[in-house]
């Protein structure tokens, strides 16, 4: 038998299964990678910044305050204009002879809020007051001027 006499078989035309499978695999891989990319981006962009313990940006001030001599009550409003939550608020009242009385203030001072505090049983002869927070160095100092509290410094 002569080789020239054999009929030449043509390759069937149509879908090439290995090539089709490779194309589908590449497309699925790209789709999965895109989905994971969007998911990972949402983890980093939607997460709020941890500002609760960010003492570097913490700051607050005495918005207003007074001392009522008739009922020995000190009331004041603190203004926290930053987003930092201030905790462990303590009031230190300084009396003549450098005597200091400490009073804890209830609650926390949320970020971007005003909050009123009322302290009863405060002796009338205090000269100065200091309000400190959990952030060392973040404080407000004030003096009593005839029943009106005047802020003298913040830090």
N, C-alpha and C. Protein backbone atom coordinates (compact mmCIF):
# COMPACT_ATOMS: atom_id res chain seq x y z
N UNK A 1 0.81 -1.16 0.00
CA UNK A 1 0.00 0.00 0.00
C UNK A 1 0.87 1.24 0.00
N UNK A 2 0.48 2.08 -0.84
CA UNK A 2 1.23 3.29 -1.02
C UNK A 2 0.64 4.38 -0.13
N UNK A 3 1.53 5.18 0.43
CA UNK A 3 1.08 6.24 1.35
C UNK A 3 0.26 7.27 0.60
N UNK A 4 0.52 7.47 -0.59
CA UNK A 4 -0.19 8.47 -1.36
C UNK A 4 -1.63 8.06 -1.59
N UNK A 5 -1.90 6.84 -1.46
CA UNK A 5 -3.24 6.37 -1.75
C UNK A 5 -4.18 6.51 -0.56
N UNK A 6 -3.67 6.69 0.66
CA UNK A 6 -4.55 6.82 1.83
C UNK A 6 -5.28 8.15 1.79
N UNK A 7 -6.53 8.12 2.14
CA UNK A 7 -7.24 9.41 2.19
C UNK A 7 -6.77 10.22 3.38
N UNK A 8 -6.66 11.51 3.20
CA UNK A 8 -6.23 12.41 4.29
C UNK A 8 -7.47 12.77 5.09
N UNK A 9 -7.34 12.50 6.39
CA UNK A 9 -8.46 12.84 7.26
C UNK A 9 -8.31 14.28 7.72
N UNK A 10 -9.35 15.02 7.61
CA UNK A 10 -9.34 16.41 8.06
C UNK A 10 -9.74 16.45 9.52
N UNK A 11 -9.14 17.42 10.23
CA UNK A 11 -9.50 17.62 11.63
C UNK A 11 -10.90 18.19 11.68
N UNK A 12 -11.70 17.69 12.62
CA UNK A 12 -13.06 18.23 12.69
C UNK A 12 -13.04 19.69 13.12
N UNK A 13 -13.87 20.47 12.52
CA UNK A 13 -13.97 21.88 12.88
C UNK A 13 -15.03 22.02 13.95
N UNK A 14 -14.93 23.13 14.76
CA UNK A 14 -15.91 23.37 15.81
C UNK A 14 -15.21 23.76 17.11
N UNK A 15 -15.76 23.35 18.18
CA UNK A 15 -15.25 23.73 19.51
C UNK A 15 -14.06 22.87 19.85
N UNK A 16 -13.01 23.55 20.29
CA UNK A 16 -11.81 22.88 20.73
C UNK A 16 -11.90 22.79 22.26
N UNK A 17 -12.21 21.64 22.83
CA UNK A 17 -12.44 21.54 24.28
C UNK A 17 -11.27 22.02 25.15
N UNK A 18 -10.03 21.72 24.88
CA UNK A 18 -8.97 22.22 25.75
C UNK A 18 -8.84 23.74 25.71
N UNK A 19 -8.97 24.34 24.54
CA UNK A 19 -8.88 25.80 24.42
C UNK A 19 -10.06 26.47 25.12
N UNK A 20 -11.25 25.94 24.95
CA UNK A 20 -12.44 26.50 25.60
C UNK A 20 -12.31 26.43 27.11
N UNK A 21 -11.84 25.33 27.62
CA UNK A 21 -11.66 25.17 29.05
C UNK A 21 -10.63 26.17 29.60
N UNK A 22 -9.56 26.39 28.86
CA UNK A 22 -8.54 27.34 29.29
C UNK A 22 -9.10 28.76 29.33
N UNK A 23 -9.90 29.15 28.36
CA UNK A 23 -10.50 30.49 28.31
C UNK A 23 -11.47 30.67 29.48
N UNK A 24 -12.29 29.67 29.75
CA UNK A 24 -13.23 29.75 30.87
C UNK A 24 -12.49 29.85 32.19
N UNK A 25 -11.41 29.09 32.35
CA UNK A 25 -10.63 29.12 33.58
C UNK A 25 -10.00 30.50 33.80
N UNK A 26 -9.48 31.11 32.75
CA UNK A 26 -8.90 32.45 32.86
C UNK A 26 -9.98 33.47 33.22
N UNK A 27 -11.15 33.40 32.61
CA UNK A 27 -12.25 34.34 32.90
C UNK A 27 -12.71 34.21 34.35
N UNK A 28 -12.88 32.98 34.82
CA UNK A 28 -13.30 32.77 36.21
C UNK A 28 -12.24 33.30 37.17
N UNK A 29 -10.97 33.08 36.88
CA UNK A 29 -9.89 33.57 37.73
C UNK A 29 -9.91 35.09 37.81
N UNK A 30 -10.12 35.77 36.69
CA UNK A 30 -10.19 37.23 36.68
C UNK A 30 -11.38 37.73 37.49
N UNK A 31 -12.53 37.09 37.35
CA UNK A 31 -13.72 37.49 38.11
C UNK A 31 -13.51 37.30 39.62
N UNK A 32 -12.93 36.20 40.02
CA UNK A 32 -12.66 35.96 41.44
C UNK A 32 -11.67 36.99 41.97
N UNK A 33 -10.63 37.29 41.21
CA UNK A 33 -9.64 38.28 41.64
C UNK A 33 -10.28 39.67 41.79
N UNK A 34 -11.15 40.04 40.85
CA UNK A 34 -11.83 41.34 40.94
C UNK A 34 -12.73 41.40 42.17
N UNK A 35 -13.46 40.32 42.42
CA UNK A 35 -14.33 40.28 43.61
C UNK A 35 -13.54 40.40 44.90
N UNK A 36 -12.43 39.67 44.99
CA UNK A 36 -11.59 39.76 46.18
C UNK A 36 -10.99 41.15 46.35
N UNK A 37 -10.65 41.78 45.24
CA UNK A 37 -10.10 43.13 45.30
C UNK A 37 -11.12 44.12 45.86
N UNK A 38 -12.35 44.08 45.37
CA UNK A 38 -13.39 44.97 45.90
C UNK A 38 -13.67 44.68 47.36
N UNK A 39 -13.70 43.42 47.74
CA UNK A 39 -13.95 43.05 49.13
C UNK A 39 -12.83 43.57 50.04
N UNK A 40 -11.58 43.41 49.63
CA UNK A 40 -10.45 43.88 50.44
C UNK A 40 -10.45 45.39 50.55
N UNK A 41 -10.83 46.09 49.50
CA UNK A 41 -10.91 47.55 49.54
C UNK A 41 -11.97 48.00 50.53
N UNK A 42 -13.10 47.31 50.57
CA UNK A 42 -14.16 47.71 51.50
C UNK A 42 -13.75 47.49 52.94
N UNK A 43 -12.86 46.55 53.21
CA UNK A 43 -12.39 46.34 54.57
C UNK A 43 -11.58 47.51 55.08
N UNK A 44 -10.80 48.10 54.20
CA UNK A 44 -9.94 49.20 54.65
C UNK A 44 -10.61 50.55 54.57
N UNK A 45 -11.53 50.77 53.66
CA UNK A 45 -12.12 52.10 53.52
C UNK A 45 -13.35 52.31 54.41
N UNK A 46 -14.08 51.27 54.75
CA UNK A 46 -15.29 51.43 55.56
C UNK A 46 -15.02 51.36 57.05
N UNK A 47 -13.82 51.03 57.44
CA UNK A 47 -13.50 50.88 58.85
C UNK A 47 -13.24 52.26 59.45
N UNK A 48 -13.98 52.67 60.51
CA UNK A 48 -13.74 53.98 61.09
C UNK A 48 -12.38 54.03 61.78
N UNK A 49 -11.80 55.18 61.76
CA UNK A 49 -10.51 55.34 62.41
C UNK A 49 -10.68 55.23 63.93
N UNK A 50 -9.76 54.56 64.60
CA UNK A 50 -9.90 54.43 66.05
C UNK A 50 -9.55 55.74 66.74
N UNK A 51 -10.57 56.52 67.07
CA UNK A 51 -10.33 57.82 67.67
C UNK A 51 -10.53 57.83 69.16
N UNK A 52 -11.04 56.74 69.70
CA UNK A 52 -11.32 56.73 71.13
C UNK A 52 -10.07 56.92 71.97
N UNK A 53 -8.96 56.36 71.57
CA UNK A 53 -7.74 56.46 72.35
C UNK A 53 -6.71 57.37 71.70
N UNK A 54 -7.13 58.19 70.80
CA UNK A 54 -6.21 59.05 70.06
C UNK A 54 -6.01 60.36 70.83
N UNK A 55 -5.19 60.31 71.87
CA UNK A 55 -5.00 61.47 72.75
C UNK A 55 -4.24 62.60 72.07
N UNK A 56 -3.58 62.32 70.97
CA UNK A 56 -2.82 63.38 70.30
C UNK A 56 -3.76 64.49 69.81
N UNK A 57 -4.93 64.10 69.32
CA UNK A 57 -5.88 65.08 68.79
C UNK A 57 -6.91 65.54 69.82
N UNK A 58 -6.84 65.02 71.05
CA UNK A 58 -7.85 65.33 72.06
C UNK A 58 -7.72 66.78 72.54
N UNK A 59 -8.88 67.41 72.73
CA UNK A 59 -8.91 68.79 73.19
C UNK A 59 -10.34 69.09 73.62
N UNK A 60 -10.50 69.81 74.70
CA UNK A 60 -11.82 70.25 75.10
C UNK A 60 -11.70 71.56 75.83
N UNK A 61 -12.83 72.23 76.06
CA UNK A 61 -12.78 73.54 76.72
C UNK A 61 -14.00 73.70 77.62
N UNK A 62 -13.88 74.68 78.49
CA UNK A 62 -14.99 75.05 79.36
C UNK A 62 -15.90 75.97 78.57
N UNK A 63 -17.09 75.48 78.26
CA UNK A 63 -18.04 76.26 77.46
C UNK A 63 -18.68 77.34 78.32
N UNK A 64 -19.11 76.98 79.52
CA UNK A 64 -19.67 77.94 80.48
C UNK A 64 -19.66 77.29 81.85
N UNK A 65 -19.80 78.10 82.88
CA UNK A 65 -19.85 77.54 84.22
C UNK A 65 -20.11 78.61 85.26
N UNK A 66 -20.69 78.17 86.39
CA UNK A 66 -20.91 79.09 87.50
C UNK A 66 -20.91 78.35 88.82
N UNK A 67 -20.76 79.13 89.88
CA UNK A 67 -20.81 78.60 91.23
C UNK A 67 -21.92 79.33 91.96
N UNK A 68 -22.87 78.56 92.50
CA UNK A 68 -24.00 79.13 93.24
C UNK A 68 -23.65 79.10 94.72
N UNK A 69 -23.34 80.27 95.29
CA UNK A 69 -22.92 80.36 96.69
C UNK A 69 -24.03 79.93 97.64
N UNK A 70 -25.29 80.17 97.29
CA UNK A 70 -26.40 79.87 98.19
C UNK A 70 -26.60 78.37 98.42
N UNK A 71 -26.26 77.54 97.44
CA UNK A 71 -26.46 76.09 97.61
C UNK A 71 -25.15 75.31 97.43
N UNK A 72 -24.03 76.00 97.41
CA UNK A 72 -22.69 75.38 97.29
C UNK A 72 -22.62 74.39 96.13
N UNK A 73 -23.08 74.84 94.97
CA UNK A 73 -23.12 73.98 93.79
C UNK A 73 -22.33 74.59 92.64
N UNK A 74 -21.50 73.76 92.06
CA UNK A 74 -20.69 74.14 90.91
C UNK A 74 -21.30 73.46 89.69
N UNK A 75 -21.63 74.22 88.67
CA UNK A 75 -22.16 73.64 87.43
C UNK A 75 -21.38 74.21 86.26
N UNK A 76 -21.10 73.34 85.31
CA UNK A 76 -20.34 73.79 84.14
C UNK A 76 -20.66 72.90 82.95
N UNK A 77 -20.38 73.46 81.77
CA UNK A 77 -20.60 72.76 80.51
C UNK A 77 -19.25 72.63 79.83
N UNK A 78 -18.92 71.39 79.45
CA UNK A 78 -17.67 71.14 78.73
C UNK A 78 -17.97 70.93 77.25
N UNK A 79 -17.11 71.46 76.41
CA UNK A 79 -17.26 71.37 74.96
C UNK A 79 -16.12 70.53 74.40
N UNK A 80 -16.48 69.36 73.86
CA UNK A 80 -15.50 68.50 73.20
C UNK A 80 -15.75 68.62 71.70
N UNK A 81 -15.00 69.48 71.04
CA UNK A 81 -15.22 69.73 69.61
C UNK A 81 -14.47 68.75 68.71
N UNK A 82 -13.71 67.85 69.29
CA UNK A 82 -12.99 66.84 68.51
C UNK A 82 -13.78 65.54 68.53
N UNK A 83 -13.36 64.57 67.73
CA UNK A 83 -14.05 63.28 67.66
C UNK A 83 -13.54 62.29 68.70
N UNK A 84 -12.62 62.71 69.53
CA UNK A 84 -12.02 61.83 70.53
C UNK A 84 -12.94 61.73 71.75
N UNK A 85 -13.20 60.51 72.20
CA UNK A 85 -13.99 60.29 73.41
C UNK A 85 -13.07 60.47 74.61
N UNK A 86 -13.46 61.37 75.52
CA UNK A 86 -12.65 61.62 76.71
C UNK A 86 -13.26 60.90 77.89
N UNK A 87 -12.44 60.10 78.58
CA UNK A 87 -12.91 59.28 79.69
C UNK A 87 -12.17 59.68 80.96
N UNK A 88 -12.61 59.05 82.06
CA UNK A 88 -11.97 59.24 83.36
C UNK A 88 -11.82 60.72 83.69
N UNK A 89 -12.92 61.45 83.61
CA UNK A 89 -12.90 62.88 83.90
C UNK A 89 -12.85 63.09 85.41
N UNK A 90 -11.92 63.90 85.86
CA UNK A 90 -11.76 64.22 87.27
C UNK A 90 -11.64 65.72 87.44
N UNK A 91 -12.32 66.22 88.46
CA UNK A 91 -12.27 67.64 88.81
C UNK A 91 -11.39 67.78 90.04
N UNK A 92 -10.42 68.67 89.97
CA UNK A 92 -9.56 68.98 91.10
C UNK A 92 -9.82 70.43 91.47
N UNK A 93 -10.30 70.64 92.70
CA UNK A 93 -10.55 71.99 93.21
C UNK A 93 -9.40 72.38 94.12
N UNK A 94 -8.83 73.55 93.88
CA UNK A 94 -7.67 74.01 94.63
C UNK A 94 -8.12 75.14 95.55
N UNK A 95 -7.86 74.96 96.83
CA UNK A 95 -8.28 75.90 97.88
C UNK A 95 -7.07 76.65 98.41
N UNK A 96 -7.29 77.71 99.18
CA UNK A 96 -6.16 78.43 99.79
C UNK A 96 -5.29 77.46 100.60
N UNK A 97 -4.01 77.73 100.62
CA UNK A 97 -3.07 76.86 101.31
C UNK A 97 -2.72 75.63 100.49
N UNK A 98 -3.06 75.66 99.18
CA UNK A 98 -2.75 74.57 98.24
C UNK A 98 -3.45 73.25 98.59
N UNK A 99 -4.54 73.31 99.32
CA UNK A 99 -5.34 72.11 99.59
C UNK A 99 -6.10 71.76 98.32
N UNK A 100 -6.09 70.47 97.95
CA UNK A 100 -6.72 70.02 96.71
C UNK A 100 -7.78 68.97 97.05
N UNK A 101 -8.95 69.13 96.45
CA UNK A 101 -10.03 68.17 96.61
C UNK A 101 -10.34 67.58 95.23
N UNK A 102 -10.39 66.25 95.14
CA UNK A 102 -10.67 65.58 93.87
C UNK A 102 -12.10 65.07 93.86
N UNK A 103 -12.78 65.26 92.73
CA UNK A 103 -14.13 64.73 92.53
C UNK A 103 -14.18 64.08 91.15
N UNK A 104 -14.70 62.88 91.10
CA UNK A 104 -14.86 62.20 89.81
C UNK A 104 -16.12 62.69 89.13
N UNK A 105 -16.03 62.91 87.83
CA UNK A 105 -17.19 63.32 87.04
C UNK A 105 -17.77 62.07 86.40
N UNK A 106 -19.07 61.93 86.48
CA UNK A 106 -19.74 60.74 85.94
C UNK A 106 -19.72 60.73 84.41
N UNK A 107 -19.53 59.54 83.87
CA UNK A 107 -19.64 59.33 82.43
C UNK A 107 -18.41 59.75 81.66
N UNK A 108 -18.60 59.82 80.37
CA UNK A 108 -17.54 60.21 79.44
C UNK A 108 -17.99 61.46 78.69
N UNK A 109 -17.06 62.10 78.06
CA UNK A 109 -17.37 63.26 77.22
C UNK A 109 -17.19 62.81 75.77
N UNK A 110 -18.31 62.48 75.14
CA UNK A 110 -18.29 62.00 73.76
C UNK A 110 -17.73 63.07 72.83
N UNK A 111 -17.25 62.63 71.68
CA UNK A 111 -16.72 63.56 70.69
C UNK A 111 -17.82 64.43 70.08
N UNK A 112 -17.48 65.65 69.76
CA UNK A 112 -18.40 66.62 69.13
C UNK A 112 -19.66 66.85 69.95
N UNK A 113 -19.51 66.98 71.27
CA UNK A 113 -20.68 67.21 72.12
C UNK A 113 -20.39 68.24 73.20
N UNK A 114 -21.49 68.76 73.75
CA UNK A 114 -21.46 69.57 74.96
C UNK A 114 -22.09 68.74 76.06
N UNK A 115 -21.54 68.80 77.26
CA UNK A 115 -22.11 68.04 78.37
C UNK A 115 -22.06 68.87 79.63
N UNK A 116 -23.17 68.85 80.38
CA UNK A 116 -23.29 69.60 81.62
C UNK A 116 -22.95 68.71 82.81
N UNK A 117 -22.20 69.27 83.74
CA UNK A 117 -21.85 68.58 84.98
C UNK A 117 -22.27 69.47 86.15
N UNK A 118 -22.79 68.84 87.21
CA UNK A 118 -23.21 69.57 88.41
C UNK A 118 -22.57 68.89 89.60
N UNK A 119 -21.85 69.67 90.39
CA UNK A 119 -21.18 69.16 91.58
C UNK A 119 -21.77 69.88 92.79
N UNK A 120 -22.31 69.10 93.72
CA UNK A 120 -22.89 69.69 94.94
C UNK A 120 -21.89 69.55 96.08
N UNK A 121 -22.09 70.35 97.12
CA UNK A 121 -21.24 70.28 98.30
C UNK A 121 -19.85 70.82 98.08
N UNK A 122 -19.71 71.78 97.20
CA UNK A 122 -18.40 72.39 96.92
C UNK A 122 -18.22 73.59 97.84
N UNK A 123 -17.15 73.57 98.60
CA UNK A 123 -16.87 74.68 99.51
C UNK A 123 -16.64 75.95 98.71
N UNK A 124 -17.10 77.07 99.25
CA UNK A 124 -17.11 78.33 98.53
C UNK A 124 -15.76 78.99 98.31
N UNK A 125 -14.75 78.62 99.04
CA UNK A 125 -13.49 79.37 98.95
C UNK A 125 -12.46 78.77 97.97
N UNK A 126 -12.92 77.97 97.02
CA UNK A 126 -11.94 77.44 96.07
C UNK A 126 -11.45 78.56 95.15
N UNK A 127 -10.17 78.50 94.82
CA UNK A 127 -9.56 79.53 93.97
C UNK A 127 -9.56 79.13 92.50
N UNK A 128 -9.32 77.86 92.29
CA UNK A 128 -9.07 77.39 90.94
C UNK A 128 -9.57 75.96 90.81
N UNK A 129 -9.85 75.56 89.58
CA UNK A 129 -10.24 74.19 89.29
C UNK A 129 -9.50 73.68 88.07
N UNK A 130 -9.27 72.37 88.05
CA UNK A 130 -8.63 71.71 86.91
C UNK A 130 -9.45 70.47 86.60
N UNK A 131 -9.79 70.28 85.34
CA UNK A 131 -10.49 69.07 84.90
C UNK A 131 -9.51 68.29 84.03
N UNK A 132 -9.24 67.06 84.45
CA UNK A 132 -8.30 66.21 83.72
C UNK A 132 -9.04 65.01 83.14
N UNK A 133 -8.42 64.39 82.13
CA UNK A 133 -8.99 63.24 81.44
C UNK A 133 -8.02 62.07 81.48
N UNK A 134 -8.41 60.97 80.83
CA UNK A 134 -7.53 59.80 80.74
C UNK A 134 -6.30 60.09 79.89
N UNK A 135 -6.36 61.12 79.08
CA UNK A 135 -5.21 61.53 78.26
C UNK A 135 -4.34 62.46 79.10
N UNK A 136 -3.14 62.02 79.40
CA UNK A 136 -2.28 62.86 80.22
C UNK A 136 -1.98 64.16 79.48
N UNK A 137 -2.09 65.24 80.17
CA UNK A 137 -1.84 66.55 79.58
C UNK A 137 -3.06 67.18 78.93
N UNK A 138 -4.14 66.46 78.76
CA UNK A 138 -5.36 67.04 78.19
C UNK A 138 -6.23 67.47 79.37
N UNK A 139 -6.28 68.79 79.59
CA UNK A 139 -6.98 69.32 80.74
C UNK A 139 -7.45 70.74 80.50
N UNK A 140 -8.33 71.19 81.39
CA UNK A 140 -8.83 72.56 81.36
C UNK A 140 -8.64 73.14 82.76
N UNK A 141 -8.13 74.36 82.83
CA UNK A 141 -7.99 75.06 84.10
C UNK A 141 -8.92 76.26 84.09
N UNK A 142 -9.53 76.53 85.25
CA UNK A 142 -10.43 77.68 85.36
C UNK A 142 -10.31 78.29 86.75
N UNK A 143 -10.79 79.53 86.87
CA UNK A 143 -10.84 80.22 88.15
C UNK A 143 -12.27 80.65 88.41
N UNK A 144 -12.57 80.90 89.67
CA UNK A 144 -13.88 81.37 90.08
C UNK A 144 -13.82 82.88 90.26
N UNK A 145 -14.56 83.61 89.44
CA UNK A 145 -14.60 85.06 89.55
C UNK A 145 -16.03 85.47 89.91
N UNK A 146 -16.27 85.63 91.22
CA UNK A 146 -17.58 86.05 91.72
C UNK A 146 -18.71 85.16 91.21
N UNK A 147 -18.49 83.88 91.21
CA UNK A 147 -19.52 82.94 90.82
C UNK A 147 -19.50 82.52 89.36
N UNK A 148 -18.68 83.16 88.55
CA UNK A 148 -18.56 82.80 87.14
C UNK A 148 -17.22 82.11 86.93
N UNK A 149 -17.26 80.97 86.28
CA UNK A 149 -16.04 80.24 86.00
C UNK A 149 -15.41 80.76 84.73
N UNK A 150 -14.14 81.12 84.82
CA UNK A 150 -13.40 81.64 83.67
C UNK A 150 -12.27 80.69 83.34
N UNK A 151 -12.27 80.18 82.11
CA UNK A 151 -11.18 79.30 81.68
C UNK A 151 -9.90 80.09 81.58
N UNK A 152 -8.81 79.54 82.13
CA UNK A 152 -7.53 80.24 82.04
C UNK A 152 -6.55 79.51 81.12
N UNK A 153 -6.75 78.21 80.92
CA UNK A 153 -5.87 77.50 79.98
C UNK A 153 -6.45 76.15 79.64
N UNK A 154 -5.98 75.64 78.49
CA UNK A 154 -6.28 74.27 78.07
C UNK A 154 -4.99 73.65 77.60
N UNK A 155 -4.91 72.36 77.65
CA UNK A 155 -3.76 71.68 77.09
C UNK A 155 -4.15 70.32 76.60
